[in-house]
C-alpha atoms as a PDB file:
ATOM      1  CA  MET A   1     -46.711  24.899 -31.909  1.00  0.00           C
ATOM      2  CA  ASN A   2     -47.749  27.923 -30.037  1.00  0.00           C
ATOM      3  CA  LYS A   3     -45.409  30.223 -28.208  1.00  0.00           C
ATOM      4  CA  SER A   4     -46.108  28.805 -24.718  1.00  0.00           C
ATOM      5  CA  ASN A   5     -45.317  25.256 -25.873  1.00  0.00           C
ATOM      6  CA  GLU A   6     -42.051  26.454 -27.409  1.00  0.00           C
ATOM      7  CA  ASN A   7     -41.072  28.107 -24.143  1.00  0.00           C
ATOM      8  CA  PHE A   8     -42.002  24.954 -22.238  1.00  0.00           C
ATOM      9  CA  TYR A   9     -39.805  22.760 -24.436  1.00  0.00           C
ATOM     10  CA  GLN A  10     -36.977  25.220 -24.366  1.00  0.00           C
ATOM     11  CA  ASN A  11     -37.171  25.463 -20.590  1.00  0.00           C
ATOM     12  CA  GLY A  12     -37.416  21.676 -20.293  1.00  0.00           C
ATOM     13  CA  PHE A  13     -34.429  21.290 -22.576  1.00  0.00           C
ATOM     14  CA  ASN A  14     -32.460  23.814 -20.547  1.00  0.00           C
ATOM     15  CA  LEU A  15     -33.372  21.988 -17.357  1.00  0.00           C
ATOM     16  CA  ASP A  16     -32.140  18.732 -18.882  1.00  0.00           C
ATOM     17  CA  LYS A  17     -28.860  20.387 -19.789  1.00  0.00           C
ATOM     18  CA  GLY A  18     -28.602  21.736 -16.247  1.00  0.00           C
ATOM     19  CA  ASN A  19     -29.289  18.296 -14.794  1.00  0.00           C
ATOM     20  CA  GLN A  20     -26.729  16.722 -17.091  1.00  0.00           C
ATOM     21  CA  ALA A  21     -24.150  19.305 -16.105  1.00  0.00           C
ATOM     22  CA  ALA A  22     -24.872  18.711 -12.415  1.00  0.00           C
ATOM     23  CA  LYS A  23     -24.613  14.941 -12.884  1.00  0.00           C
ATOM     24  CA  LEU A  24     -21.325  15.330 -14.746  1.00  0.00           C
ATOM     25  CA  ALA A  25     -20.026  17.604 -11.987  1.00  0.00           C
ATOM     26  CA  VAL A  26     -20.894  14.989  -9.367  1.00  0.00           C
ATOM     27  CA  ILE A  27     -19.290  12.206 -11.419  1.00  0.00           C
ATOM     28  CA  GLY A  28     -16.188  14.367 -11.888  1.00  0.00           C
ATOM     29  CA  GLY A  29     -16.038  14.981  -8.157  1.00  0.00           C
ATOM     30  CA  VAL A  30     -16.301  11.278  -7.407  1.00  0.00           C
ATOM     31  CA  ILE A  31     -13.539  10.495  -9.902  1.00  0.00           C
ATOM     32  CA  THR A  32     -11.364  13.190  -8.316  1.00  0.00           C
ATOM     33  CA  ILE A  33     -11.931  11.722  -4.854  1.00  0.00           C
ATOM     34  CA  LEU A  34     -11.072   8.239  -6.114  1.00  0.00           C
ATOM     35  CA  GLY A  35      -7.925   9.612  -7.743  1.00  0.00           C
ATOM     36  CA  ASP A  36      -6.903  11.297  -4.484  1.00  0.00           C
ATOM     37  CA  ALA A  37      -7.542   8.073  -2.563  1.00  0.00           C
ATOM     38  CA  ILE A  38      -5.423   6.079  -5.011  1.00  0.00           C
ATOM     39  CA  SER A  39      -2.624   8.654  -4.778  1.00  0.00           C
ATOM     40  CA  THR A  40      -2.724   8.504  -0.990  1.00  0.00           C
ATOM     41  CA  LEU A  41      -2.631   4.719  -1.051  1.00  0.00           C
ATOM     42  CA  ALA A  42       0.350   4.796  -3.405  1.00  0.00           C
ATOM     43  CA  ALA A  43       2.189   7.167  -1.052  1.00  0.00           C
ATOM     44  CA  VAL A  44       1.483   4.934   1.952  1.00  0.00           C
ATOM     45  CA  LEU A  45       2.720   1.866   0.069  1.00  0.00           C
ATOM     46  CA  ALA A  46       5.882   3.722  -0.980  1.00  0.00           C
ATOM     47  CA  LEU A  47       6.573   4.672   2.648  1.00  0.00           C
ATOM     48  CA  GLU A  48       6.013   1.100   3.816  1.00  0.00           C
ATOM     49  CA  GLU A  49       8.333  -0.189   1.103  1.00  0.00           C
ATOM     50  CA  ALA A  50      11.035   2.308   2.073  1.00  0.00           C
ATOM     51  CA  THR A  51      10.686   1.310   5.728  1.00  0.00           C
ATOM     52  CA  GLN A  52      10.873  -2.391   4.839  1.00  0.00           C
ATOM     53  CA  GLU A  53      13.927  -1.740   2.666  1.00  0.00           C
ATOM     54  CA  LYS A  54      15.606   0.069   5.568  1.00  0.00           C
ATOM     55  CA  ASP A  55      14.797  -2.837   7.903  1.00  0.00           C
ATOM     56  CA  ASP A  56      16.196  -5.305   5.355  1.00  0.00           C
ATOM     57  CA  ASN A  57      19.390  -3.252   5.056  1.00  0.00           C
ATOM     58  CA  ASN A  58      19.775  -3.194   8.848  1.00  0.00           C
ATOM     59  CA  GLU A  59      19.246  -6.950   8.968  1.00  0.00           C
ATOM     60  CA  ILE A  60      21.883  -7.477   6.271  1.00  0.00           C
ATOM     61  CA  LYS A  61      24.328  -5.245   8.164  1.00  0.00           C
ATOM     62  CA  ASP A  62      23.719  -7.225  11.367  1.00  0.00           C
ATOM     63  CA  MET A  63      24.258 -10.517   9.537  1.00  0.00           C
ATOM     64  CA  GLN A  64      27.486  -9.154   7.995  1.00  0.00           C
ATOM     65  CA  LYS A  65      28.712  -8.192  11.483  1.00  0.00           C
ATOM     66  CA  GLN A  66      27.951 -11.725  12.693  1.00  0.00           C
ATOM     67  CA  ILE A  67      29.773 -13.238   9.712  1.00  0.00           C
ATOM     68  CA  ASN A  68      32.780 -11.007  10.350  1.00  0.00           C
ATOM     69  CA  TYR A  69      32.811 -11.975  14.040  1.00  0.00           C
ATOM     70  CA  LEU A  70      32.498 -15.689  13.277  1.00  0.00           C
ATOM     71  CA  THR A  71      35.244 -15.457  10.649  1.00  0.00           C
ATOM     72  CA  THR A  72      37.544 -13.782  13.171  1.00  0.00           C
ATOM     73  CA  GLU A  73      36.735 -16.436  15.763  1.00  0.00           C
ATOM     74  CA  LEU A  74      37.346 -19.215  13.246  1.00  0.00           C
ATOM     75  CA  ASN A  75      40.719 -17.736  12.281  1.00  0.00           C
ATOM     76  CA  THR A  76      41.612 -17.371  15.959  1.00  0.00           C
ATOM     77  CA  LEU A  77      40.720 -21.027  16.566  1.00  0.00           C
ATOM     78  CA  LYS A  78      42.686 -22.140  13.513  1.00  0.00           C
ATOM     79  CA  ASN A  79      45.732 -20.170  14.593  1.00  0.00           C
ATOM     80  CA  SER A  80      45.597 -21.382  18.173  1.00  0.00           C
ATOM     81  CA  SER A  81      44.947 -24.963  17.034  1.00  0.00           C
ATOM     82  CA  GLY A  82      47.825 -24.816  14.559  1.00  0.00           C
ATOM     83  CA  LYS A  83      50.209 -23.503  17.208  1.00  0.00           C
ATOM     84  CA  LYS A  84      49.183 -26.232  19.651  1.00  0.00           C
ATOM     85  CA  ASN A  85      49.664 -28.927  17.027  1.00  0.00           C
ATOM     86  CA  HIS A  86      52.929 -27.382  15.920  1.00  0.00           C
ATOM     87  CA  ASN A  87      54.197 -27.161  19.520  1.00  0.00           C
ATOM     88  CA  HIS A  88      53.241 -30.748  20.255  1.00  0.00           C
ATOM     89  CA  GLY A  89      55.091 -31.873  17.154  1.00  0.00           C
ATOM     90  CA  ILE A  90      58.390 -30.461  18.411  1.00  0.00           C
END
């Protein structure tokens, strides 16, 4: 091979390496963007889960308040019913 052909192949080879590096850089960038998107999605899901958990806890607290109220009312009715029955028995 003559000197000009060697330079041509060397330059072509260097251009290929440059193209490969550029392609790898683009692929790396795309992977980074996808990773960032997945991380953002995970954060959003975690926030939604925390909000749902808080809502569930509030709902449980409300139901416990209702149970406590109904238990008190039931005891009041039992006590007043027992006194009426007891008084009528005398």
